[in-house]
Amino acid sequence: MTIALVKVSNVSDRLVPLGLACLQAYLKERTIDVKVFNFRATEYSLPKIASDPLIQLKPPKFVMNHQDFPLLVMIVDTLLFDGDVNFDERIFPDLIEDYANRLCEDYKVTKERFESILEYIKTIIHKISNFPIVGFSIDYLNVVESVICSTLLRLANPLIKIVWGGPTITQSYEAFKLWLKRGIVDGLVVGEGELPLLDISLDVELAQIPGVMSLKNEEELFYSPGAQVALDLLPTPDYSGLPLDTYYHIASVYRSRGCTNRCQFCAEWNLFGRRFRVRSVKNVIN
């Protein structure tokens, strides 16, 4: 069985996804087959984007936040019930106008952005729809793409197991319970992902895995805190399968996890625990 690790990013995402590389290395070390996908800048080659530079798939200096979920919920529900979305119908014009006003941008630009994202994701779903397990890496900048992608993935293959992880899930899991109830995701990985993802790959029931939040019978929520891995036991990140020549030419090296501070706007101490941990110098160099 092969697990797919996926990040669906916006057009300006040019940093190597270190999280996917770490998870891939950890699973491969334990003989789990992994395929990594980072759908991003090189795939966002839509004609309308090329012809009109004002249409951006990510508005500058803007992050999808919880107050923007009404538009996303309507998109998801419409996809689940109708299979497609017409942004000129129902209450979409009102929701898009509200969204555009808060971004201080033109209604048409916002509408065409969401149309572009939806149409683009339709073109990539077939690449991941045949995997038994798909794990999404989510941050605040790719919430829209990840939610829509998970919805279309669920429609394409109802039997697929879909899990979400990443800093945004850990920081805002209370808000993301909404998507568990919508049925487009089966589990939310809260905290570090190595141990939970290994259990998921071994087909352990989600409700029995520490660090994974799941829903049973559409109402019974299961969750227990996960454990942390000793950093020196983790392998070197594996970047195979990632188009390294399309990212910024910057090498990411992680030597620590956690933070001594408790800034409310930051996910670092939530994601990696309240204790600051470091890898040994020897381990980093190796």
C-alpha atoms as a PDB file:
ATOM      1  CA  MET A   1       0.000   0.000   0.000  1.00  0.00           C
ATOM      2  CA  THR A   2       1.275   3.452  -0.950  1.00  0.00           C
ATOM      3  CA  ILE A   3       0.350   6.643   0.890  1.00  0.00           C
ATOM      4  CA  ALA A   4       0.214   9.973  -0.944  1.00  0.00           C
ATOM      5  CA  LEU A   5       1.475  13.086   0.843  1.00  0.00           C
ATOM      6  CA  VAL A   6       0.052  16.188  -0.794  1.00  0.00           C
ATOM      7  CA  LYS A   7       0.406  19.936  -0.586  1.00  0.00           C
ATOM      8  CA  VAL A   8      -1.797  22.009  -2.878  1.00  0.00           C
ATOM      9  CA  SER A   9      -0.297  25.480  -2.738  1.00  0.00           C
ATOM     10  CA  ASN A  10      -0.922  28.922  -4.134  1.00  0.00           C
ATOM     11  CA  VAL A  11       0.998  30.415  -7.006  1.00  0.00           C
ATOM     12  CA  SER A  12       3.631  32.186  -4.878  1.00  0.00           C
ATOM     13  CA  ASP A  13       4.654  29.171  -2.773  1.00  0.00           C
ATOM     14  CA  ARG A  14       8.337  28.768  -3.672  1.00  0.00           C
ATOM     15  CA  LEU A  15       9.740  27.227  -0.473  1.00  0.00           C
ATOM     16  CA  VAL A  16      10.647  23.556  -0.363  1.00  0.00           C
ATOM     17  CA  PRO A  17       8.010  21.717   1.744  1.00  0.00           C
ATOM     18  CA  LEU A  18      10.257  20.542   4.579  1.00  0.00           C
ATOM     19  CA  GLY A  19       7.345  18.919   6.410  1.00  0.00           C
ATOM     20  CA  LEU A  20       6.552  16.589   3.515  1.00  0.00           C
ATOM     21  CA  ALA A  21      10.241  15.699   3.190  1.00  0.00           C
ATOM     22  CA  CYS A  22      10.487  14.824   6.903  1.00  0.00           C
ATOM     23  CA  LEU A  23       7.364  12.667   6.832  1.00  0.00           C
ATOM     24  CA  GLN A  24       8.435  10.916   3.649  1.00  0.00           C
ATOM     25  CA  ALA A  25      11.815  10.029   5.156  1.00  0.00           C
ATOM     26  CA  TYR A  26      10.258   8.729   8.381  1.00  0.00           C
ATOM     27  CA  LEU A  27       7.760   6.491   6.585  1.00  0.00           C
ATOM     28  CA  LYS A  28      10.271   5.166   4.058  1.00  0.00           C
ATOM     29  CA  GLU A  29      12.661   4.247   6.870  1.00  0.00           C
ATOM     30  CA  ARG A  30       9.857   2.014   8.125  1.00  0.00           C
ATOM     31  CA  THR A  31       9.304   0.439   4.702  1.00  0.00           C
ATOM     32  CA  ILE A  32       6.113   2.370   3.967  1.00  0.00           C
ATOM     33  CA  ASP A  33       5.728   3.287   0.297  1.00  0.00           C
ATOM     34  CA  VAL A  34       5.250   7.042  -0.129  1.00  0.00           C
ATOM     35  CA  LYS A  35       4.532   9.310  -3.073  1.00  0.00           C
ATOM     36  CA  VAL A  36       4.876  13.076  -2.562  1.00  0.00           C
ATOM     37  CA  PHE A  37       2.950  15.671  -4.567  1.00  0.00           C
ATOM     38  CA  ASN A  38       3.400  19.425  -4.315  1.00  0.00           C
ATOM     39  CA  PHE A  39       0.884  20.920  -6.731  1.00  0.00           C
ATOM     40  CA  ARG A  40       1.843  24.556  -7.018  1.00  0.00           C
ATOM     41  CA  ALA A  41       3.416  27.256  -9.196  1.00  0.00           C
ATOM     42  CA  THR A  42       4.415  25.055 -12.130  1.00  0.00           C
ATOM     43  CA  GLU A  43       0.875  23.676 -12.462  1.00  0.00           C
ATOM     44  CA  TYR A  44      -0.933  27.013 -12.142  1.00  0.00           C
ATOM     45  CA  SER A  45      -0.637  27.740 -15.869  1.00  0.00           C
ATOM     46  CA  LEU A  46      -4.239  28.657 -16.596  1.00  0.00           C
ATOM     47  CA  PRO A  47      -4.878  30.821 -19.661  1.00  0.00           C
ATOM     48  CA  LYS A  48      -6.862  33.413 -17.714  1.00  0.00           C
ATOM     49  CA  ILE A  49      -3.978  33.782 -15.267  1.00  0.00           C
ATOM     50  CA  ALA A  50      -1.495  34.333 -18.072  1.00  0.00           C
ATOM     51  CA  SER A  51      -3.738  36.797 -19.896  1.00  0.00           C
ATOM     52  CA  ASP A  52      -4.744  38.857 -16.884  1.00  0.00           C
ATOM     53  CA  PRO A  53      -2.017  39.395 -14.237  1.00  0.00           C
ATOM     54  CA  LEU A  54      -4.627  40.896 -11.896  1.00  0.00           C
ATOM     55  CA  ILE A  55      -6.112  37.459 -11.360  1.00  0.00           C
ATOM     56  CA  GLN A  56      -3.968  35.952  -8.635  1.00  0.00           C
ATOM     57  CA  LEU A  57      -4.635  32.642  -6.954  1.00  0.00           C
ATOM     58  CA  LYS A  58      -3.496  34.121  -3.664  1.00  0.00           C
ATOM     59  CA  PRO A  59      -4.281  37.729  -2.766  1.00  0.00           C
ATOM     60  CA  PRO A  60      -1.239  39.568  -1.376  1.00  0.00           C
ATOM     61  CA  LYS A  61      -0.915  39.906   2.371  1.00  0.00           C
ATOM     62  CA  PHE A  62      -4.095  37.931   2.968  1.00  0.00           C
ATOM     63  CA  VAL A  63      -4.716  34.710   4.836  1.00  0.00           C
ATOM     64  CA  MET A  64      -7.878  32.610   4.663  1.00  0.00           C
ATOM     65  CA  ASN A  65      -9.410  32.889   8.118  1.00  0.00           C
ATOM     66  CA  HIS A  66     -12.362  31.363   9.891  1.00  0.00           C
ATOM     67  CA  GLN A  67     -14.712  34.231   9.061  1.00  0.00           C
ATOM     68  CA  ASP A  68     -14.221  33.291   5.418  1.00  0.00           C
ATOM     69  CA  PHE A  69     -15.500  29.754   5.923  1.00  0.00           C
ATOM     70  CA  PRO A  70     -19.111  30.605   4.867  1.00  0.00           C
ATOM     71  CA  LEU A  71     -17.991  30.938   1.236  1.00  0.00           C
ATOM     72  CA  LEU A  72     -15.889  27.789   1.463  1.00  0.00           C
ATOM     73  CA  VAL A  73     -18.717  25.849   3.146  1.00  0.00           C
ATOM     74  CA  MET A  74     -21.086  26.839   0.344  1.00  0.00           C
ATOM     75  CA  ILE A  75     -18.569  25.701  -2.260  1.00  0.00           C
ATOM     76  CA  VAL A  76     -18.088  22.350  -0.511  1.00  0.00           C
ATOM     77  CA  ASP A  77     -21.800  21.703   0.037  1.00  0.00           C
ATOM     78  CA  THR A  78     -22.617  22.579  -3.560  1.00  0.00           C
ATOM     79  CA  LEU A  79     -19.896  20.265  -4.839  1.00  0.00           C
ATOM     80  CA  LEU A  80     -21.090  17.423  -2.616  1.00  0.00           C
ATOM     81  CA  PHE A  81     -24.731  17.756  -3.669  1.00  0.00           C
ATOM     82  CA  ASP A  82     -24.437  18.981  -7.279  1.00  0.00           C
ATOM     83  CA  GLY A  83     -20.968  17.882  -8.330  1.00  0.00           C
ATOM     84  CA  ASP A  84     -20.012  21.336  -9.584  1.00  0.00           C
ATOM     85  CA  VAL A  85     -20.304  25.033  -8.732  1.00  0.00           C
ATOM     86  CA  ASN A  86     -21.724  27.990 -10.644  1.00  0.00           C
ATOM     87  CA  PHE A  87     -20.508  31.112  -8.868  1.00  0.00           C
ATOM     88  CA  ASP A  88     -23.265  33.193 -10.475  1.00  0.00           C
ATOM     89  CA  GLU A  89     -26.064  31.258  -8.783  1.00  0.00           C
ATOM     90  CA  ARG A  90     -27.657  31.003  -5.331  1.00  0.00           C
ATOM     91  CA  ILE A  91     -25.993  33.115  -2.662  1.00  0.00           C
ATOM     92  CA  PHE A  92     -22.521  32.906  -4.198  1.00  0.00           C
ATOM     93  CA  PRO A  93     -22.586  36.512  -5.494  1.00  0.00           C
ATOM     94  CA  ASP A  94     -23.326  37.813  -1.976  1.00  0.00           C
ATOM     95  CA  LEU A  95     -20.651  35.645  -0.364  1.00  0.00           C
ATOM     96  CA  ILE A  96     -18.070  36.586  -2.976  1.00  0.00           C
ATOM     97  CA  GLU A  97     -18.900  40.275  -2.627  1.00  0.00           C
ATOM     98  CA  ASP A  98     -18.419  40.080   1.149  1.00  0.00           C
ATOM     99  CA  TYR A  99     -15.134  38.253   0.653  1.00  0.00           C
ATOM    100  CA  ALA A 100     -13.938  40.780  -1.936  1.00  0.00           C
ATOM    101  CA  ASN A 101     -14.871  43.763   0.231  1.00  0.00           C
ATOM    102  CA  ARG A 102     -12.745  42.496   3.095  1.00  0.00           C
ATOM    103  CA  LEU A 103      -9.835  42.019   0.692  1.00  0.00           C
ATOM    104  CA  CYS A 104     -10.393  45.515  -0.730  1.00  0.00           C
ATOM    105  CA  GLU A 105     -10.399  44.105  -4.242  1.00  0.00           C
ATOM    106  CA  ASP A 106     -12.728  43.904  -7.228  1.00  0.00           C
ATOM    107  CA  TYR A 107     -15.598  41.392  -7.142  1.00  0.00           C
ATOM    108  CA  LYS A 108     -14.605  40.026 -10.557  1.00  0.00           C
ATOM    109  CA  VAL A 109     -11.051  39.318  -9.432  1.00  0.00           C
ATOM    110  CA  THR A 110     -12.223  37.336  -6.395  1.00  0.00           C
ATOM    111  CA  LYS A 111     -14.781  35.391  -8.426  1.00  0.00           C
ATOM    112  CA  GLU A 112     -12.304  34.491 -11.147  1.00  0.00           C
ATOM    113  CA  ARG A 113      -9.738  33.427  -8.564  1.00  0.00           C
ATOM    114  CA  PHE A 114     -12.102  30.867  -7.050  1.00  0.00           C
ATOM    115  CA  GLU A 115     -13.196  29.701 -10.500  1.00  0.00           C
ATOM    116  CA  SER A 116      -9.532  29.262 -11.449  1.00  0.00           C
ATOM    117  CA  ILE A 117      -8.710  27.314  -8.303  1.00  0.00           C
ATOM    118  CA  LEU A 118     -11.689  24.996  -8.801  1.00  0.00           C
ATOM    119  CA  GLU A 119     -10.934  24.379 -12.471  1.00  0.00           C
ATOM    120  CA  TYR A 120      -7.263  23.789 -11.756  1.00  0.00           C
ATOM    121  CA  ILE A 121      -7.926  21.255  -9.007  1.00  0.00           C
ATOM    122  CA  LYS A 122     -10.232  19.326 -11.336  1.00  0.00           C
ATOM    123  CA  THR A 123      -7.212  18.745 -13.564  1.00  0.00           C
ATOM    124  CA  ILE A 124      -5.038  17.191 -10.836  1.00  0.00           C
ATOM    125  CA  ILE A 125      -7.507  15.014  -8.921  1.00  0.00           C
ATOM    126  CA  HIS A 126      -6.858  11.971 -11.107  1.00  0.00           C
ATOM    127  CA  LYS A 127      -3.208  11.987  -9.984  1.00  0.00           C
ATOM    128  CA  ILE A 128      -4.095  11.172  -6.364  1.00  0.00           C
ATOM    129  CA  SER A 129      -7.568   9.584  -6.488  1.00  0.00           C
ATOM    130  CA  ASN A 130      -6.349   5.976  -6.653  1.00  0.00           C
ATOM    131  CA  PHE A 131      -4.267   6.028  -3.472  1.00  0.00           C
ATOM    132  CA  PRO A 132      -5.883   4.339  -0.442  1.00  0.00           C
ATOM    133  CA  ILE A 133      -4.614   7.087   1.889  1.00  0.00           C
ATOM    134  CA  VAL A 134      -3.973  10.746   1.106  1.00  0.00           C
ATOM    135  CA  GLY A 135      -2.463  13.101   3.675  1.00  0.00           C
ATOM    136  CA  PHE A 136      -2.684  16.859   3.123  1.00  0.00           C
ATOM    137  CA  SER A 137      -0.218  19.378   4.544  1.00  0.00           C
ATOM    138  CA  ILE A 138      -2.186  22.523   5.391  1.00  0.00           C
ATOM    139  CA  ASP A 139      -1.138  26.006   6.397  1.00  0.00           C
ATOM    140  CA  TYR A 140      -3.188  29.192   6.409  1.00  0.00           C
ATOM    141  CA  LEU A 141      -2.115  30.024   2.862  1.00  0.00           C
ATOM    142  CA  ASN A 142      -3.494  26.880   1.230  1.00  0.00           C
ATOM    143  CA  VAL A 143      -6.737  26.268   3.117  1.00  0.00           C
ATOM    144  CA  VAL A 144      -8.933  27.029   0.101  1.00  0.00           C
ATOM    145  CA  GLU A 145      -7.018  24.756  -2.261  1.00  0.00           C
ATOM    146  CA  SER A 146      -6.808  21.914   0.279  1.00  0.00           C
ATOM    147  CA  VAL A 147     -10.494  21.971   1.207  1.00  0.00           C
ATOM    148  CA  ILE A 148     -11.669  22.041  -2.403  1.00  0.00           C
ATOM    149  CA  CYS A 149      -9.172  19.339  -3.367  1.00  0.00           C
ATOM    150  CA  SER A 150     -10.332  17.077  -0.519  1.00  0.00           C
ATOM    151  CA  THR A 151     -13.950  17.560  -1.558  1.00  0.00           C
ATOM    152  CA  LEU A 152     -13.315  16.609  -5.178  1.00  0.00           C
ATOM    153  CA  LEU A 153     -11.161  13.714  -4.001  1.00  0.00           C
ATOM    154  CA  ARG A 154     -14.018  12.421  -1.856  1.00  0.00           C
ATOM    155  CA  LEU A 155     -16.360  12.617  -4.844  1.00  0.00           C
ATOM    156  CA  ALA A 156     -13.855  10.831  -7.078  1.00  0.00           C
ATOM    157  CA  ASN A 157     -13.208   8.019  -4.593  1.00  0.00           C
ATOM    158  CA  PRO A 158     -15.566   7.748  -1.591  1.00  0.00           C
ATOM    159  CA  LEU A 159     -13.481   4.915  -0.093  1.00  0.00           C
ATOM    160  CA  ILE A 160     -10.259   6.904   0.138  1.00  0.00           C
ATOM    161  CA  LYS A 161      -8.950   7.787   3.614  1.00  0.00           C
ATOM    162  CA  ILE A 162      -8.220  11.529   3.804  1.00  0.00           C
ATOM    163  CA  VAL A 163      -6.227  13.086   6.645  1.00  0.00           C
ATOM    164  CA  TRP A 164      -5.097  16.656   7.241  1.00  0.00           C
ATOM    165  CA  GLY A 165      -2.108  17.861   9.225  1.00  0.00           C
ATOM    166  CA  GLY A 166       0.191  20.836   9.548  1.00  0.00           C
ATOM    167  CA  PRO A 167       0.475  23.996  11.642  1.00  0.00           C
ATOM    168  CA  THR A 168      -2.970  25.331  10.762  1.00  0.00           C
ATOM    169  CA  ILE A 169      -4.724  22.138  11.817  1.00  0.00           C
ATOM    170  CA  THR A 170      -2.915  22.124  15.159  1.00  0.00           C
ATOM    171  CA  GLN A 171      -3.473  25.824  15.772  1.00  0.00           C
ATOM    172  CA  SER A 172      -7.155  25.847  14.758  1.00  0.00           C
ATOM    173  CA  TYR A 173      -8.460  22.297  15.087  1.00  0.00           C
ATOM    174  CA  GLU A 174     -11.623  23.542  16.797  1.00  0.00           C
ATOM    175  CA  ALA A 175     -12.564  25.379  13.598  1.00  0.00           C
ATOM    176  CA  PHE A 176     -11.518  22.520  11.333  1.00  0.00           C
ATOM    177  CA  LYS A 177     -13.850  20.084  13.100  1.00  0.00           C
ATOM    178  CA  LEU A 178     -16.401  21.587  10.737  1.00  0.00           C
ATOM    179  CA  TRP A 179     -14.844  19.723   7.836  1.00  0.00           C
ATOM    180  CA  LEU A 180     -14.861  16.433   9.727  1.00  0.00           C
ATOM    181  CA  LYS A 181     -18.606  16.849  10.061  1.00  0.00           C
ATOM    182  CA  ARG A 182     -18.889  17.690   6.358  1.00  0.00           C
ATOM    183  CA  GLY A 183     -17.281  14.316   5.616  1.00  0.00           C
ATOM    184  CA  ILE A 184     -14.516  15.572   3.336  1.00  0.00           C
ATOM    185  CA  VAL A 185     -11.760  14.554   5.760  1.00  0.00           C
ATOM    186  CA  ASP A 186     -11.509  11.497   8.019  1.00  0.00           C
ATOM    187  CA  GLY A 187      -8.880  12.617  10.506  1.00  0.00           C
ATOM    188  CA  LEU A 188      -7.068  15.712  11.731  1.00  0.00           C
ATOM    189  CA  VAL A 189      -3.480  15.188  12.878  1.00  0.00           C
ATOM    190  CA  VAL A 190      -2.935  17.539  15.819  1.00  0.00           C
ATOM    191  CA  GLY A 191       0.724  18.099  16.687  1.00  0.00           C
ATOM    192  CA  GLU A 192       3.693  16.259  15.197  1.00  0.00           C
ATOM    193  CA  GLY A 193       2.832  13.955  12.329  1.00  0.00           C
ATOM    194  CA  GLU A 194       5.422  11.173  12.262  1.00  0.00           C
ATOM    195  CA  LEU A 195       3.895   8.727  14.749  1.00  0.00           C
ATOM    196  CA  PRO A 196       0.226   9.297  13.820  1.00  0.00           C
ATOM    197  CA  LEU A 197       0.974   9.018  10.108  1.00  0.00           C
ATOM    198  CA  LEU A 198       2.822   5.741  10.625  1.00  0.00           C
ATOM    199  CA  ASP A 199      -0.209   4.277  12.420  1.00  0.00           C
ATOM    200  CA  ILE A 200      -2.508   5.596   9.706  1.00  0.00           C
ATOM    201  CA  SER A 201      -0.310   3.944   7.066  1.00  0.00           C
ATOM    202  CA  LEU A 202      -0.527   0.669   8.987  1.00  0.00           C
ATOM    203  CA  ASP A 203      -4.330   0.921   8.820  1.00  0.00           C
ATOM    204  CA  VAL A 204      -4.857   1.395  12.554  1.00  0.00           C
ATOM    205  CA  GLU A 205      -8.360   2.684  13.274  1.00  0.00           C
ATOM    206  CA  LEU A 206      -8.244   6.477  13.435  1.00  0.00           C
ATOM    207  CA  ALA A 207     -10.101   6.615  16.744  1.00  0.00           C
ATOM    208  CA  GLN A 208      -7.332   4.501  18.310  1.00  0.00           C
ATOM    209  CA  ILE A 209      -4.420   6.672  17.166  1.00  0.00           C
ATOM    210  CA  PRO A 210      -3.060   9.264  19.645  1.00  0.00           C
ATOM    211  CA  GLY A 211      -2.732  12.649  18.002  1.00  0.00           C
ATOM    212  CA  VAL A 212      -5.555  12.093  15.507  1.00  0.00           C
ATOM    213  CA  MET A 213      -8.974  13.706  15.841  1.00  0.00           C
ATOM    214  CA  SER A 214     -11.742  11.754  14.144  1.00  0.00           C
ATOM    215  CA  LEU A 215     -15.512  11.519  14.090  1.00  0.00           C
ATOM    216  CA  LYS A 216     -17.710   8.458  14.388  1.00  0.00           C
ATOM    217  CA  ASN A 217     -21.384   8.286  13.452  1.00  0.00           C
ATOM    218  CA  GLU A 218     -21.222  11.975  12.460  1.00  0.00           C
ATOM    219  CA  GLU A 219     -21.262  13.097  16.087  1.00  0.00           C
ATOM    220  CA  GLU A 220     -18.938  11.155  18.422  1.00  0.00           C
ATOM    221  CA  LEU A 221     -15.531  12.860  18.498  1.00  0.00           C
ATOM    222  CA  PHE A 222     -12.384  10.889  19.333  1.00  0.00           C
ATOM    223  CA  TYR A 223      -9.069  12.453  20.291  1.00  0.00           C
ATOM    224  CA  SER A 224      -6.173  11.848  22.663  1.00  0.00           C
ATOM    225  CA  PRO A 225      -2.873  13.803  22.619  1.00  0.00           C
ATOM    226  CA  GLY A 226      -0.040  12.296  20.623  1.00  0.00           C
ATOM    227  CA  ALA A 227       3.526  11.592  21.723  1.00  0.00           C
ATOM    228  CA  GLN A 228       6.681  13.348  20.571  1.00  0.00           C
ATOM    229  CA  VAL A 229       9.592  11.725  18.791  1.00  0.00           C
ATOM    230  CA  ALA A 230      13.192  12.183  19.933  1.00  0.00           C
ATOM    231  CA  LEU A 231      14.673  14.383  17.206  1.00  0.00           C
ATOM    232  CA  ASP A 232      17.930  12.437  16.962  1.00  0.00           C
ATOM    233  CA  LEU A 233      15.909   9.350  16.028  1.00  0.00           C
ATOM    234  CA  LEU A 234      14.463  11.050  12.957  1.00  0.00           C
ATOM    235  CA  PRO A 235      16.084  10.446   9.558  1.00  0.00           C
ATOM    236  CA  THR A 236      17.391  13.106   7.207  1.00  0.00           C
ATOM    237  CA  PRO A 237      14.519  14.693   5.227  1.00  0.00           C
ATOM    238  CA  ASP A 238      13.877  12.955   1.912  1.00  0.00           C
ATOM    239  CA  TYR A 239      13.262  15.389  -0.964  1.00  0.00           C
ATOM    240  CA  SER A 240      12.844  12.755  -3.670  1.00  0.00           C
ATOM    241  CA  GLY A 241       9.839  13.391  -5.889  1.00  0.00           C
ATOM    242  CA  LEU A 242       9.958  17.150  -5.339  1.00  0.00           C
ATOM    243  CA  PRO A 243      10.940  19.434  -8.265  1.00  0.00           C
ATOM    244  CA  LEU A 244      13.753  21.179  -6.406  1.00  0.00           C
ATOM    245  CA  ASP A 245      14.714  23.328  -9.387  1.00  0.00           C
ATOM    246  CA  THR A 246      11.347  25.126  -9.201  1.00  0.00           C
ATOM    247  CA  TYR A 247      11.781  26.401  -5.629  1.00  0.00           C
ATOM    248  CA  TYR A 248      13.888  29.170  -4.198  1.00  0.00           C
ATOM    249  CA  HIS A 249      17.500  28.000  -4.036  1.00  0.00           C
ATOM    250  CA  ILE A 250      17.473  27.908  -0.259  1.00  0.00           C
ATOM    251  CA  ALA A 251      18.262  24.793   1.751  1.00  0.00           C
ATOM    252  CA  SER A 252      16.148  24.218   4.848  1.00  0.00           C
ATOM    253  CA  VAL A 253      17.882  22.526   7.768  1.00  0.00           C
ATOM    254  CA  TYR A 254      15.939  21.908  10.935  1.00  0.00           C
ATOM    255  CA  ARG A 255      17.834  21.634  14.184  1.00  0.00           C
ATOM    256  CA  SER A 256      15.067  22.194  16.688  1.00  0.00           C
ATOM    257  CA  ARG A 257      11.370  21.971  17.344  1.00  0.00           C
ATOM    258  CA  GLY A 258       9.255  23.973  19.725  1.00  0.00           C
ATOM    259  CA  CYS A 259       9.767  27.432  21.164  1.00  0.00           C
ATOM    260  CA  THR A 260      10.377  28.984  24.557  1.00  0.00           C
ATOM    261  CA  ASN A 261       7.809  31.717  23.859  1.00  0.00           C
ATOM    262  CA  ARG A 262       4.018  31.438  23.756  1.00  0.00           C
ATOM    263  CA  CYS A 263       2.948  33.886  21.053  1.00  0.00           C
ATOM    264  CA  GLN A 264      -0.760  33.396  20.424  1.00  0.00           C
ATOM    265  CA  PHE A 265      -0.466  34.100  16.699  1.00  0.00           C
ATOM    266  CA  CYS A 266       2.183  31.416  16.159  1.00  0.00           C
ATOM    267  CA  ALA A 267       1.661  27.669  15.727  1.00  0.00           C
ATOM    268  CA  GLU A 268       5.239  26.631  16.573  1.00  0.00           C
ATOM    269  CA  TRP A 269       4.729  25.818  20.251  1.00  0.00           C
ATOM    270  CA  ASN A 270       1.311  24.277  19.587  1.00  0.00           C
ATOM    271  CA  LEU A 271       2.605  22.088  16.791  1.00  0.00           C
ATOM    272  CA  PHE A 272       5.797  20.877  18.455  1.00  0.00           C
ATOM    273  CA  GLY A 273       4.914  21.109  22.118  1.00  0.00           C
ATOM    274  CA  ARG A 274       5.686  23.531  24.925  1.00  0.00           C
ATOM    275  CA  ARG A 275       9.252  22.305  25.353  1.00  0.00           C
ATOM    276  CA  PHE A 276      12.125  23.506  23.171  1.00  0.00           C
ATOM    277  CA  ARG A 277      13.957  20.483  21.757  1.00  0.00           C
ATOM    278  CA  VAL A 278      17.153  20.328  19.716  1.00  0.00           C
ATOM    279  CA  ARG A 279      18.915  17.812  17.512  1.00  0.00           C
ATOM    280  CA  SER A 280      22.544  17.073  18.264  1.00  0.00           C
ATOM    281  CA  VAL A 281      25.170  18.770  16.105  1.00  0.00           C
ATOM    282  CA  LYS A 282      26.390  15.365  14.912  1.00  0.00           C
ATOM    283  CA  ASN A 283      22.892  14.416  13.804  1.00  0.00           C
ATOM    284  CA  VAL A 284      22.407  17.679  11.920  1.00  0.00           C
ATOM    285  CA  ILE A 285      25.734  17.363  10.097  1.00  0.00           C
ATOM    286  CA  ASN A 286      25.056  13.758   9.129  1.00  0.00           C
END
